[in-house]
């Protein structure tokens, strides 16, 4: 006789459901009958499209996570946040300068940070968000870029910020400045891009595209870099 599947009681947007306890929040939503057409992205924790806010019954703390990589808990109250209205300033990367003044000009709200660290506690990637904002305040773009490298732009940090800071956009500006002005030029990459643009690699690309998926995966996993 098959072992009975363990179930969890969850609440999706206030409505009660019984779902298998081993499911992720995203899978549980589909199990409950939701058709996910938006906010489901890569389903592997890399795109930040499935930002979610939840609270477990009997606990006061409001939690943030990605629905694709967080398992359900019994008594979990869930609301997804597939989009958060971040402030996205428009600028021309070719015209700005790698100076602290650019942060003061484009994202002055970062200097209103009260140091509450709510952004760090809300981060779905466990980044030190308040710390990389401090780097941005000082104009240390390389440090900000490094500290924010794994940001998936989900917006959970900004949803909890009393100063209204758009942390992911600040970090993105720092990474662009770092890549454009601070890091040394990658000559080998530029040469390879030029080769691709000239059509030199077209035959190899087409040959690769004609391979079955299993063969492509095998070639990828046995690259020299993986050994």
C-alpha atoms as a PDB file:
ATOM      1  CA  UNK A   1       0.000   0.000   0.000  1.00  0.00           C
ATOM      2  CA  UNK A   2       1.393   3.356  -1.106  1.00  0.00           C
ATOM      3  CA  UNK A   3       2.447   5.761   1.620  1.00  0.00           C
ATOM      4  CA  UNK A   4       0.043   8.668   2.028  1.00  0.00           C
ATOM      5  CA  UNK A   5       1.375  11.941   0.671  1.00  0.00           C
ATOM      6  CA  UNK A   6       2.048  14.560   3.344  1.00  0.00           C
ATOM      7  CA  UNK A   7      -0.020  17.705   2.745  1.00  0.00           C
ATOM      8  CA  UNK A   8       0.350  21.317   3.857  1.00  0.00           C
ATOM      9  CA  UNK A   9      -2.338  23.926   4.368  1.00  0.00           C
ATOM     10  CA  UNK A  10      -1.466  27.197   2.627  1.00  0.00           C
ATOM     11  CA  UNK A  11      -3.325  30.379   1.718  1.00  0.00           C
ATOM     12  CA  UNK A  12      -2.820  31.857  -1.738  1.00  0.00           C
ATOM     13  CA  UNK A  13      -4.053  35.447  -1.874  1.00  0.00           C
ATOM     14  CA  UNK A  14      -6.232  34.695   1.154  1.00  0.00           C
ATOM     15  CA  UNK A  15      -7.804  31.483  -0.178  1.00  0.00           C
ATOM     16  CA  UNK A  16      -7.146  28.159   1.566  1.00  0.00           C
ATOM     17  CA  UNK A  17      -5.604  25.196  -0.283  1.00  0.00           C
ATOM     18  CA  UNK A  18      -4.244  21.757   0.631  1.00  0.00           C
ATOM     19  CA  UNK A  19      -1.082  20.986  -1.349  1.00  0.00           C
ATOM     20  CA  UNK A  20       1.741  18.390  -1.165  1.00  0.00           C
ATOM     21  CA  UNK A  21       4.288  19.606   1.353  1.00  0.00           C
ATOM     22  CA  UNK A  22       7.297  18.912  -0.887  1.00  0.00           C
ATOM     23  CA  UNK A  23       6.212  21.438  -3.539  1.00  0.00           C
ATOM     24  CA  UNK A  24       7.729  24.843  -4.104  1.00  0.00           C
ATOM     25  CA  UNK A  25       5.384  27.813  -3.835  1.00  0.00           C
ATOM     26  CA  UNK A  26       5.295  28.052  -7.626  1.00  0.00           C
ATOM     27  CA  UNK A  27       4.458  24.374  -8.067  1.00  0.00           C
ATOM     28  CA  UNK A  28       1.882  24.623  -5.295  1.00  0.00           C
ATOM     29  CA  UNK A  29       0.147  27.460  -7.117  1.00  0.00           C
ATOM     30  CA  UNK A  30      -0.101  25.308 -10.232  1.00  0.00           C
ATOM     31  CA  UNK A  31      -1.277  22.350  -8.153  1.00  0.00           C
ATOM     32  CA  UNK A  32      -4.026  24.615  -6.781  1.00  0.00           C
ATOM     33  CA  UNK A  33      -5.146  25.458 -10.314  1.00  0.00           C
ATOM     34  CA  UNK A  34      -3.353  28.719 -11.078  1.00  0.00           C
ATOM     35  CA  UNK A  35      -2.123  29.083 -14.652  1.00  0.00           C
ATOM     36  CA  UNK A  36       1.177  30.962 -14.416  1.00  0.00           C
ATOM     37  CA  UNK A  37       1.702  33.081 -17.499  1.00  0.00           C
ATOM     38  CA  UNK A  38       3.577  35.914 -15.849  1.00  0.00           C
ATOM     39  CA  UNK A  39       5.971  36.032 -12.942  1.00  0.00           C
ATOM     40  CA  UNK A  40       7.303  32.522 -13.570  1.00  0.00           C
ATOM     41  CA  UNK A  41      10.387  33.270 -15.694  1.00  0.00           C
ATOM     42  CA  UNK A  42      13.282  30.819 -15.529  1.00  0.00           C
ATOM     43  CA  UNK A  43      11.890  28.689 -12.654  1.00  0.00           C
ATOM     44  CA  UNK A  44      15.397  28.200 -11.325  1.00  0.00           C
ATOM     45  CA  UNK A  45      16.023  31.212  -9.090  1.00  0.00           C
ATOM     46  CA  UNK A  46      17.992  33.281 -11.597  1.00  0.00           C
ATOM     47  CA  UNK A  47      15.562  35.791 -13.123  1.00  0.00           C
ATOM     48  CA  UNK A  48      13.817  37.299 -10.069  1.00  0.00           C
ATOM     49  CA  UNK A  49      10.400  37.264 -11.770  1.00  0.00           C
ATOM     50  CA  UNK A  50       8.623  35.339  -8.999  1.00  0.00           C
ATOM     51  CA  UNK A  51       9.255  37.594  -6.005  1.00  0.00           C
ATOM     52  CA  UNK A  52       6.930  36.539  -3.195  1.00  0.00           C
ATOM     53  CA  UNK A  53       5.890  37.812   0.221  1.00  0.00           C
ATOM     54  CA  UNK A  54       4.630  35.403   2.861  1.00  0.00           C
ATOM     55  CA  UNK A  55       3.921  35.015   6.554  1.00  0.00           C
ATOM     56  CA  UNK A  56       3.631  31.758   8.471  1.00  0.00           C
ATOM     57  CA  UNK A  57       0.639  31.467  10.769  1.00  0.00           C
ATOM     58  CA  UNK A  58       1.590  32.238  14.384  1.00  0.00           C
ATOM     59  CA  UNK A  59       4.713  34.183  13.418  1.00  0.00           C
ATOM     60  CA  UNK A  60       4.793  37.961  13.084  1.00  0.00           C
ATOM     61  CA  UNK A  61       7.699  38.329  10.685  1.00  0.00           C
ATOM     62  CA  UNK A  62       6.915  39.052   7.039  1.00  0.00           C
ATOM     63  CA  UNK A  63       9.245  37.075   4.745  1.00  0.00           C
ATOM     64  CA  UNK A  64      10.380  37.534   1.147  1.00  0.00           C
ATOM     65  CA  UNK A  65      11.521  34.831  -1.259  1.00  0.00           C
ATOM     66  CA  UNK A  66      11.432  33.527  -4.827  1.00  0.00           C
ATOM     67  CA  UNK A  67       8.432  31.259  -5.382  1.00  0.00           C
ATOM     68  CA  UNK A  68      10.358  28.896  -7.655  1.00  0.00           C
ATOM     69  CA  UNK A  69      12.975  27.984  -5.061  1.00  0.00           C
ATOM     70  CA  UNK A  70      11.091  28.096  -1.734  1.00  0.00           C
ATOM     71  CA  UNK A  71       9.129  25.129  -0.395  1.00  0.00           C
ATOM     72  CA  UNK A  72       5.703  25.620   1.122  1.00  0.00           C
ATOM     73  CA  UNK A  73       5.195  25.443   4.875  1.00  0.00           C
ATOM     74  CA  UNK A  74       2.057  24.512   6.751  1.00  0.00           C
ATOM     75  CA  UNK A  75       0.100  27.658   7.622  1.00  0.00           C
ATOM     76  CA  UNK A  76       1.865  29.821   5.031  1.00  0.00           C
ATOM     77  CA  UNK A  77       0.009  32.926   3.797  1.00  0.00           C
ATOM     78  CA  UNK A  78       1.336  33.829   0.352  1.00  0.00           C
ATOM     79  CA  UNK A  79       1.110  36.743  -2.076  1.00  0.00           C
ATOM     80  CA  UNK A  80       3.299  36.921  -5.169  1.00  0.00           C
ATOM     81  CA  UNK A  81       4.935  40.145  -6.308  1.00  0.00           C
ATOM     82  CA  UNK A  82       5.812  39.600  -9.997  1.00  0.00           C
ATOM     83  CA  UNK A  83       6.659  43.256 -10.510  1.00  0.00           C
ATOM     84  CA  UNK A  84       7.796  46.036  -8.191  1.00  0.00           C
ATOM     85  CA  UNK A  85       7.759  49.673  -9.426  1.00  0.00           C
ATOM     86  CA  UNK A  86      11.433  50.593  -9.121  1.00  0.00           C
ATOM     87  CA  UNK A  87      12.698  54.046 -10.101  1.00  0.00           C
ATOM     88  CA  UNK A  88      14.684  53.585 -13.318  1.00  0.00           C
ATOM     89  CA  UNK A  89      16.543  56.694 -14.389  1.00  0.00           C
ATOM     90  CA  UNK A  90      17.485  57.224 -18.025  1.00  0.00           C
ATOM     91  CA  UNK A  91      21.114  57.962 -18.861  1.00  0.00           C
ATOM     92  CA  UNK A  92      23.626  57.534 -21.679  1.00  0.00           C
ATOM     93  CA  UNK A  93      26.502  55.356 -20.470  1.00  0.00           C
ATOM     94  CA  UNK A  94      28.735  56.970 -23.102  1.00  0.00           C
ATOM     95  CA  UNK A  95      28.179  60.429 -21.634  1.00  0.00           C
ATOM     96  CA  UNK A  96      28.267  59.934 -17.865  1.00  0.00           C
ATOM     97  CA  UNK A  97      31.480  59.947 -15.827  1.00  0.00           C
ATOM     98  CA  UNK A  98      32.572  57.419 -13.181  1.00  0.00           C
ATOM     99  CA  UNK A  99      32.264  59.937 -10.379  1.00  0.00           C
ATOM    100  CA  UNK A 100      30.290  59.963  -7.138  1.00  0.00           C
ATOM    101  CA  UNK A 101      28.286  62.912  -8.455  1.00  0.00           C
ATOM    102  CA  UNK A 102      26.449  60.657 -10.913  1.00  0.00           C
ATOM    103  CA  UNK A 103      24.791  58.797  -8.015  1.00  0.00           C
ATOM    104  CA  UNK A 104      23.847  62.100  -6.391  1.00  0.00           C
ATOM    105  CA  UNK A 105      22.342  63.214  -9.687  1.00  0.00           C
ATOM    106  CA  UNK A 106      20.455  60.051 -10.685  1.00  0.00           C
ATOM    107  CA  UNK A 107      19.649  58.357  -7.376  1.00  0.00           C
ATOM    108  CA  UNK A 108      19.829  61.006  -4.612  1.00  0.00           C
ATOM    109  CA  UNK A 109      17.480  58.949  -2.418  1.00  0.00           C
ATOM    110  CA  UNK A 110      20.355  56.622  -1.510  1.00  0.00           C
ATOM    111  CA  UNK A 111      21.657  59.391   0.770  1.00  0.00           C
ATOM    112  CA  UNK A 112      18.386  59.156   2.737  1.00  0.00           C
ATOM    113  CA  UNK A 113      19.208  55.589   3.853  1.00  0.00           C
ATOM    114  CA  UNK A 114      18.421  55.258   7.572  1.00  0.00           C
ATOM    115  CA  UNK A 115      20.581  52.167   8.071  1.00  0.00           C
ATOM    116  CA  UNK A 116      17.690  49.911   9.091  1.00  0.00           C
ATOM    117  CA  UNK A 117      19.043  47.000   7.011  1.00  0.00           C
ATOM    118  CA  UNK A 118      15.515  45.931   6.014  1.00  0.00           C
ATOM    119  CA  UNK A 119      16.776  45.656   2.424  1.00  0.00           C
ATOM    120  CA  UNK A 120      19.407  43.081   3.383  1.00  0.00           C
ATOM    121  CA  UNK A 121      16.914  41.034   5.408  1.00  0.00           C
ATOM    122  CA  UNK A 122      14.501  41.022   2.457  1.00  0.00           C
ATOM    123  CA  UNK A 123      17.060  40.003  -0.182  1.00  0.00           C
ATOM    124  CA  UNK A 124      16.183  36.688  -1.826  1.00  0.00           C
ATOM    125  CA  UNK A 125      19.860  36.166  -2.736  1.00  0.00           C
ATOM    126  CA  UNK A 126      21.251  36.858   0.770  1.00  0.00           C
ATOM    127  CA  UNK A 127      23.218  39.876  -0.467  1.00  0.00           C
ATOM    128  CA  UNK A 128      24.466  42.637   1.840  1.00  0.00           C
ATOM    129  CA  UNK A 129      22.228  45.195   0.161  1.00  0.00           C
ATOM    130  CA  UNK A 130      22.714  48.025   2.638  1.00  0.00           C
ATOM    131  CA  UNK A 131      26.483  47.574   2.305  1.00  0.00           C
ATOM    132  CA  UNK A 132      26.486  47.879  -1.494  1.00  0.00           C
ATOM    133  CA  UNK A 133      24.315  50.989  -1.214  1.00  0.00           C
ATOM    134  CA  UNK A 134      26.968  52.401   1.148  1.00  0.00           C
ATOM    135  CA  UNK A 135      29.580  51.704  -1.529  1.00  0.00           C
ATOM    136  CA  UNK A 136      27.411  53.520  -4.087  1.00  0.00           C
ATOM    137  CA  UNK A 137      27.083  56.505  -1.740  1.00  0.00           C
ATOM    138  CA  UNK A 138      30.875  56.788  -1.621  1.00  0.00           C
ATOM    139  CA  UNK A 139      31.264  56.356  -5.361  1.00  0.00           C
ATOM    140  CA  UNK A 140      33.066  53.026  -4.937  1.00  0.00           C
ATOM    141  CA  UNK A 141      31.514  51.525  -8.044  1.00  0.00           C
ATOM    142  CA  UNK A 142      33.816  48.501  -8.246  1.00  0.00           C
ATOM    143  CA  UNK A 143      32.931  47.407  -4.696  1.00  0.00           C
ATOM    144  CA  UNK A 144      29.225  48.042  -5.299  1.00  0.00           C
ATOM    145  CA  UNK A 145      29.354  46.026  -8.521  1.00  0.00           C
ATOM    146  CA  UNK A 146      31.096  43.130  -6.801  1.00  0.00           C
ATOM    147  CA  UNK A 147      28.760  43.088  -3.785  1.00  0.00           C
ATOM    148  CA  UNK A 148      25.620  43.257  -5.962  1.00  0.00           C
ATOM    149  CA  UNK A 149      26.800  40.855  -8.674  1.00  0.00           C
ATOM    150  CA  UNK A 150      24.226  38.141  -7.871  1.00  0.00           C
ATOM    151  CA  UNK A 151      21.233  40.533  -7.751  1.00  0.00           C
ATOM    152  CA  UNK A 152      18.286  39.185  -9.764  1.00  0.00           C
ATOM    153  CA  UNK A 153      16.361  42.498  -9.746  1.00  0.00           C
ATOM    154  CA  UNK A 154      13.333  41.017  -7.944  1.00  0.00           C
ATOM    155  CA  UNK A 155      12.670  44.257  -6.038  1.00  0.00           C
ATOM    156  CA  UNK A 156      12.028  42.669  -2.633  1.00  0.00           C
ATOM    157  CA  UNK A 157      14.683  44.883  -1.028  1.00  0.00           C
ATOM    158  CA  UNK A 158      13.029  48.042  -2.327  1.00  0.00           C
ATOM    159  CA  UNK A 159       9.584  46.877  -1.212  1.00  0.00           C
ATOM    160  CA  UNK A 160      10.764  47.088   2.414  1.00  0.00           C
ATOM    161  CA  UNK A 161      12.784  50.334   2.195  1.00  0.00           C
ATOM    162  CA  UNK A 162      11.422  53.326   4.181  1.00  0.00           C
ATOM    163  CA  UNK A 163      13.618  55.694   2.135  1.00  0.00           C
ATOM    164  CA  UNK A 164      12.177  54.554  -1.200  1.00  0.00           C
ATOM    165  CA  UNK A 165      15.549  53.478  -2.625  1.00  0.00           C
ATOM    166  CA  UNK A 166      15.531  51.456  -5.855  1.00  0.00           C
ATOM    167  CA  UNK A 167      18.470  49.274  -4.827  1.00  0.00           C
ATOM    168  CA  UNK A 168      18.611  47.030  -7.952  1.00  0.00           C
ATOM    169  CA  UNK A 169      18.740  50.018 -10.296  1.00  0.00           C
ATOM    170  CA  UNK A 170      21.476  51.678  -8.238  1.00  0.00           C
ATOM    171  CA  UNK A 171      23.468  48.440  -8.362  1.00  0.00           C
ATOM    172  CA  UNK A 172      22.917  48.081 -12.093  1.00  0.00           C
ATOM    173  CA  UNK A 173      24.288  51.576 -12.696  1.00  0.00           C
ATOM    174  CA  UNK A 174      27.354  50.732 -10.588  1.00  0.00           C
ATOM    175  CA  UNK A 175      27.958  47.519 -12.546  1.00  0.00           C
ATOM    176  CA  UNK A 176      27.661  49.347 -15.848  1.00  0.00           C
ATOM    177  CA  UNK A 177      30.096  52.038 -14.730  1.00  0.00           C
ATOM    178  CA  UNK A 178      32.456  49.374 -13.415  1.00  0.00           C
ATOM    179  CA  UNK A 179      32.379  47.436 -16.669  1.00  0.00           C
ATOM    180  CA  UNK A 180      32.630  50.505 -18.902  1.00  0.00           C
ATOM    181  CA  UNK A 181      35.224  52.609 -17.102  1.00  0.00           C
ATOM    182  CA  UNK A 182      36.980  50.733 -14.305  1.00  0.00           C
ATOM    183  CA  UNK A 183      37.679  47.135 -15.283  1.00  0.00           C
ATOM    184  CA  UNK A 184      40.555  46.542 -17.749  1.00  0.00           C
ATOM    185  CA  UNK A 185      39.621  45.983 -21.354  1.00  0.00           C
ATOM    186  CA  UNK A 186      39.138  42.303 -22.218  1.00  0.00           C
ATOM    187  CA  UNK A 187      41.128  42.141 -25.457  1.00  0.00           C
ATOM    188  CA  UNK A 188      40.451  38.439 -26.082  1.00  0.00           C
ATOM    189  CA  UNK A 189      36.695  39.002 -25.790  1.00  0.00           C
ATOM    190  CA  UNK A 190      36.754  41.932 -28.188  1.00  0.00           C
ATOM    191  CA  UNK A 191      38.726  39.847 -30.688  1.00  0.00           C
ATOM    192  CA  UNK A 192      36.239  36.986 -30.459  1.00  0.00           C
ATOM    193  CA  UNK A 193      33.252  39.334 -30.924  1.00  0.00           C
ATOM    194  CA  UNK A 194      34.972  40.781 -34.003  1.00  0.00           C
ATOM    195  CA  UNK A 195      35.448  37.248 -35.364  1.00  0.00           C
ATOM    196  CA  UNK A 196      31.754  36.496 -34.848  1.00  0.00           C
ATOM    197  CA  UNK A 197      30.719  39.762 -36.509  1.00  0.00           C
ATOM    198  CA  UNK A 198      32.929  38.981 -39.507  1.00  0.00           C
ATOM    199  CA  UNK A 199      31.209  35.616 -39.999  1.00  0.00           C
ATOM    200  CA  UNK A 200      34.310  33.569 -39.198  1.00  0.00           C
ATOM    201  CA  UNK A 201      32.435  31.439 -36.643  1.00  0.00           C
ATOM    202  CA  UNK A 202      29.217  30.978 -38.620  1.00  0.00           C
ATOM    203  CA  UNK A 203      29.978  27.428 -39.842  1.00  0.00           C
ATOM    204  CA  UNK A 204      30.849  26.283 -36.293  1.00  0.00           C
ATOM    205  CA  UNK A 205      27.702  27.911 -34.902  1.00  0.00           C
ATOM    206  CA  UNK A 206      25.453  26.272 -37.475  1.00  0.00           C
ATOM    207  CA  UNK A 207      27.125  22.896 -36.889  1.00  0.00           C
ATOM    208  CA  UNK A 208      26.512  23.235 -33.164  1.00  0.00           C
ATOM    209  CA  UNK A 209      22.878  24.277 -33.701  1.00  0.00           C
ATOM    210  CA  UNK A 210      22.342  21.101 -35.717  1.00  0.00           C
ATOM    211  CA  UNK A 211      23.369  18.852 -32.835  1.00  0.00           C
ATOM    212  CA  UNK A 212      20.726  17.119 -30.676  1.00  0.00           C
ATOM    213  CA  UNK A 213      20.146  18.684 -27.265  1.00  0.00           C
ATOM    214  CA  UNK A 214      21.736  15.783 -25.376  1.00  0.00           C
ATOM    215  CA  UNK A 215      24.932  16.156 -27.404  1.00  0.00           C
ATOM    216  CA  UNK A 216      25.039  19.920 -26.750  1.00  0.00           C
ATOM    217  CA  UNK A 217      24.652  19.286 -23.017  1.00  0.00           C
ATOM    218  CA  UNK A 218      27.459  16.710 -23.132  1.00  0.00           C
ATOM    219  CA  UNK A 219      29.778  19.137 -24.944  1.00  0.00           C
ATOM    220  CA  UNK A 220      28.937  21.873 -22.452  1.00  0.00           C
ATOM    221  CA  UNK A 221      29.522  19.718 -19.380  1.00  0.00           C
ATOM    222  CA  UNK A 222      32.841  18.354 -20.660  1.00  0.00           C
ATOM    223  CA  UNK A 223      34.380  21.719 -21.537  1.00  0.00           C
ATOM    224  CA  UNK A 224      37.990  22.218 -20.504  1.00  0.00           C
ATOM    225  CA  UNK A 225      36.853  24.873 -18.002  1.00  0.00           C
ATOM    226  CA  UNK A 226      34.728  22.265 -16.178  1.00  0.00           C
ATOM    227  CA  UNK A 227      37.613  19.833 -15.566  1.00  0.00           C
END
